[in-house]
Amino acid sequence: MALNKLRQLDGNSAGVTIPKDDLRLEGLINENGKIAGEHHIHIRHVDDGEWTLNLVGEIDFD
């Protein structure tokens, strides 16, 4: 089981890194290892110590 460190991002949020190999499998990074396009992730707290992440399709802000 791979472990990822929880990191402080700013005064209001924290983050967990996702390995580039996993992002590459989803087509979210390009051949240069950079994020390809703009993507949104829905994060939901499921239970104590458990969250789910789901890639969201197009978002219409109108």
N, C-alpha and C. Protein backbone atom coordinates (compact mmCIF):
# COMPACT_ATOMS: atom_id res chain seq x y z
N MET A 1 0.85 -1.17 0.00
CA MET A 1 0.00 0.00 0.00
C MET A 1 0.90 1.23 0.00
N ALA A 2 0.71 2.10 -0.98
CA ALA A 2 1.45 3.36 -1.04
C ALA A 2 0.84 4.35 -0.05
N LEU A 3 1.71 5.12 0.59
CA LEU A 3 1.25 6.15 1.52
C LEU A 3 1.63 7.51 0.97
N ASN A 4 0.72 8.47 1.08
CA ASN A 4 0.96 9.82 0.62
C ASN A 4 0.81 10.77 1.80
N LYS A 5 1.71 11.73 1.89
CA LYS A 5 1.74 12.65 3.02
C LYS A 5 0.71 13.77 2.85
N LEU A 6 0.00 14.07 3.94
CA LEU A 6 -0.89 15.22 3.98
C LEU A 6 -0.02 16.46 4.16
N ARG A 7 -0.24 17.48 3.32
CA ARG A 7 0.61 18.68 3.35
C ARG A 7 -0.23 19.94 3.55
N GLN A 8 0.33 20.89 4.28
CA GLN A 8 -0.32 22.20 4.45
C GLN A 8 -0.13 22.98 3.16
N LEU A 9 -1.22 23.47 2.55
CA LEU A 9 -1.11 24.26 1.32
C LEU A 9 -1.13 25.75 1.61
N ASP A 10 -2.04 26.17 2.46
CA ASP A 10 -2.14 27.57 2.87
C ASP A 10 -2.87 27.58 4.21
N GLY A 11 -3.35 28.73 4.63
CA GLY A 11 -4.01 28.84 5.92
C GLY A 11 -5.36 28.16 5.99
N ASN A 12 -5.95 27.83 4.83
CA ASN A 12 -7.30 27.28 4.79
C ASN A 12 -7.42 25.89 4.22
N SER A 13 -6.33 25.34 3.71
CA SER A 13 -6.46 24.04 3.06
C SER A 13 -5.19 23.21 3.17
N ALA A 14 -5.37 21.92 2.94
CA ALA A 14 -4.28 20.96 2.93
C ALA A 14 -4.44 20.11 1.67
N GLY A 15 -3.43 19.35 1.31
CA GLY A 15 -3.50 18.54 0.10
C GLY A 15 -2.75 17.23 0.24
N VAL A 16 -3.09 16.33 -0.65
CA VAL A 16 -2.42 15.03 -0.76
C VAL A 16 -2.00 14.89 -2.21
N THR A 17 -0.77 14.47 -2.46
CA THR A 17 -0.32 14.31 -3.83
C THR A 17 -0.84 13.00 -4.42
N ILE A 18 -1.08 13.03 -5.72
CA ILE A 18 -1.45 11.83 -6.47
C ILE A 18 -0.27 11.52 -7.39
N PRO A 19 0.25 10.31 -7.35
CA PRO A 19 1.41 9.97 -8.18
C PRO A 19 1.16 10.22 -9.68
N LYS A 20 2.17 10.75 -10.36
CA LYS A 20 2.03 11.07 -11.79
C LYS A 20 1.69 9.84 -12.62
N ASP A 21 2.19 8.68 -12.25
CA ASP A 21 1.85 7.47 -13.01
C ASP A 21 0.34 7.22 -12.98
N ASP A 22 -0.29 7.46 -11.84
CA ASP A 22 -1.74 7.29 -11.74
C ASP A 22 -2.47 8.34 -12.57
N LEU A 23 -1.98 9.58 -12.53
CA LEU A 23 -2.60 10.65 -13.33
C LEU A 23 -2.43 10.38 -14.82
N ARG A 24 -1.27 9.83 -15.19
CA ARG A 24 -1.01 9.50 -16.60
C ARG A 24 -1.99 8.44 -17.08
N LEU A 25 -2.28 7.44 -16.24
CA LEU A 25 -3.24 6.40 -16.61
C LEU A 25 -4.62 6.97 -16.89
N GLU A 26 -4.98 8.05 -16.20
CA GLU A 26 -6.28 8.70 -16.40
C GLU A 26 -6.24 9.72 -17.53
N GLY A 27 -5.06 9.96 -18.12
CA GLY A 27 -4.94 10.93 -19.20
C GLY A 27 -4.97 12.37 -18.71
N LEU A 28 -4.60 12.60 -17.45
CA LEU A 28 -4.68 13.93 -16.86
C LEU A 28 -3.38 14.72 -16.97
N ILE A 29 -2.28 14.05 -17.33
CA ILE A 29 -1.03 14.76 -17.57
C ILE A 29 -0.51 14.41 -18.96
N ASN A 30 0.24 15.33 -19.53
CA ASN A 30 0.73 15.13 -20.89
C ASN A 30 2.07 14.39 -20.88
N GLU A 31 2.66 14.26 -22.07
CA GLU A 31 3.91 13.50 -22.21
C GLU A 31 5.09 14.17 -21.49
N ASN A 32 4.94 15.48 -21.18
CA ASN A 32 5.99 16.21 -20.45
C ASN A 32 5.79 16.15 -18.93
N GLY A 33 4.76 15.44 -18.49
CA GLY A 33 4.50 15.33 -17.06
C GLY A 33 3.76 16.52 -16.48
N LYS A 34 3.20 17.36 -17.33
CA LYS A 34 2.45 18.54 -16.90
C LYS A 34 0.95 18.26 -17.00
N ILE A 35 0.17 18.91 -16.14
CA ILE A 35 -1.28 18.73 -16.19
C ILE A 35 -1.79 19.18 -17.54
N ALA A 36 -2.54 18.30 -18.20
CA ALA A 36 -3.08 18.57 -19.53
C ALA A 36 -4.50 19.13 -19.40
N GLY A 37 -4.65 20.42 -19.60
CA GLY A 37 -5.98 21.03 -19.51
C GLY A 37 -6.35 21.38 -18.09
N GLU A 38 -7.64 21.64 -17.90
CA GLU A 38 -8.18 22.00 -16.59
C GLU A 38 -9.12 20.90 -16.14
N HIS A 39 -8.95 20.43 -14.93
CA HIS A 39 -9.75 19.33 -14.41
C HIS A 39 -10.28 19.70 -13.03
N HIS A 40 -11.45 19.18 -12.70
CA HIS A 40 -12.04 19.38 -11.39
C HIS A 40 -12.31 18.02 -10.76
N ILE A 41 -12.08 17.96 -9.46
CA ILE A 41 -12.27 16.72 -8.71
C ILE A 41 -13.27 16.99 -7.60
N HIS A 42 -14.28 16.13 -7.47
CA HIS A 42 -15.22 16.22 -6.35
C HIS A 42 -14.70 15.33 -5.24
N ILE A 43 -14.48 15.91 -4.06
CA ILE A 43 -13.99 15.17 -2.91
C ILE A 43 -15.11 15.08 -1.90
N ARG A 44 -15.39 13.87 -1.46
CA ARG A 44 -16.50 13.67 -0.51
C ARG A 44 -16.00 12.87 0.69
N HIS A 45 -16.32 13.38 1.87
CA HIS A 45 -16.00 12.66 3.11
C HIS A 45 -17.04 11.57 3.28
N VAL A 46 -16.61 10.32 3.35
CA VAL A 46 -17.50 9.17 3.41
C VAL A 46 -17.69 8.70 4.85
N ASP A 47 -16.60 8.59 5.58
CA ASP A 47 -16.64 8.05 6.94
C ASP A 47 -15.36 8.50 7.64
N ASP A 48 -15.22 8.16 8.91
CA ASP A 48 -13.99 8.51 9.63
C ASP A 48 -12.78 7.99 8.87
N GLY A 49 -11.90 8.91 8.46
CA GLY A 49 -10.67 8.52 7.77
C GLY A 49 -10.86 8.05 6.34
N GLU A 50 -12.04 8.29 5.74
CA GLU A 50 -12.30 7.79 4.38
C GLU A 50 -12.94 8.87 3.52
N TRP A 51 -12.32 9.10 2.35
CA TRP A 51 -12.83 10.05 1.37
C TRP A 51 -12.87 9.38 0.02
N THR A 52 -13.72 9.92 -0.88
CA THR A 52 -13.70 9.48 -2.27
C THR A 52 -13.37 10.69 -3.14
N LEU A 53 -12.70 10.43 -4.26
CA LEU A 53 -12.40 11.47 -5.23
C LEU A 53 -12.98 11.03 -6.56
N ASN A 54 -13.70 11.93 -7.22
CA ASN A 54 -14.29 11.63 -8.51
C ASN A 54 -13.97 12.76 -9.49
N LEU A 55 -13.43 12.39 -10.64
CA LEU A 55 -13.17 13.36 -11.70
C LEU A 55 -14.51 13.82 -12.25
N VAL A 56 -14.69 15.13 -12.32
CA VAL A 56 -15.94 15.72 -12.79
C VAL A 56 -15.78 16.11 -14.24
N GLY A 57 -16.81 15.87 -15.02
CA GLY A 57 -16.79 16.27 -16.43
C GLY A 57 -16.86 17.77 -16.55
N GLU A 58 -17.32 18.26 -17.65
CA GLU A 58 -17.41 19.71 -17.90
C GLU A 58 -18.28 20.39 -16.85
N ILE A 59 -17.83 21.56 -16.41
CA ILE A 59 -18.58 22.36 -15.45
C ILE A 59 -19.03 23.63 -16.14
N ASP A 60 -20.31 23.93 -16.04
CA ASP A 60 -20.86 25.15 -16.61
C ASP A 60 -21.08 26.14 -15.49
N PHE A 61 -20.30 27.23 -15.47
CA PHE A 61 -20.38 28.22 -14.41
C PHE A 61 -21.41 29.29 -14.70
N ASP A 62 -22.15 29.19 -15.81
CA ASP A 62 -23.17 30.21 -16.15
C ASP A 62 -24.42 30.03 -15.36
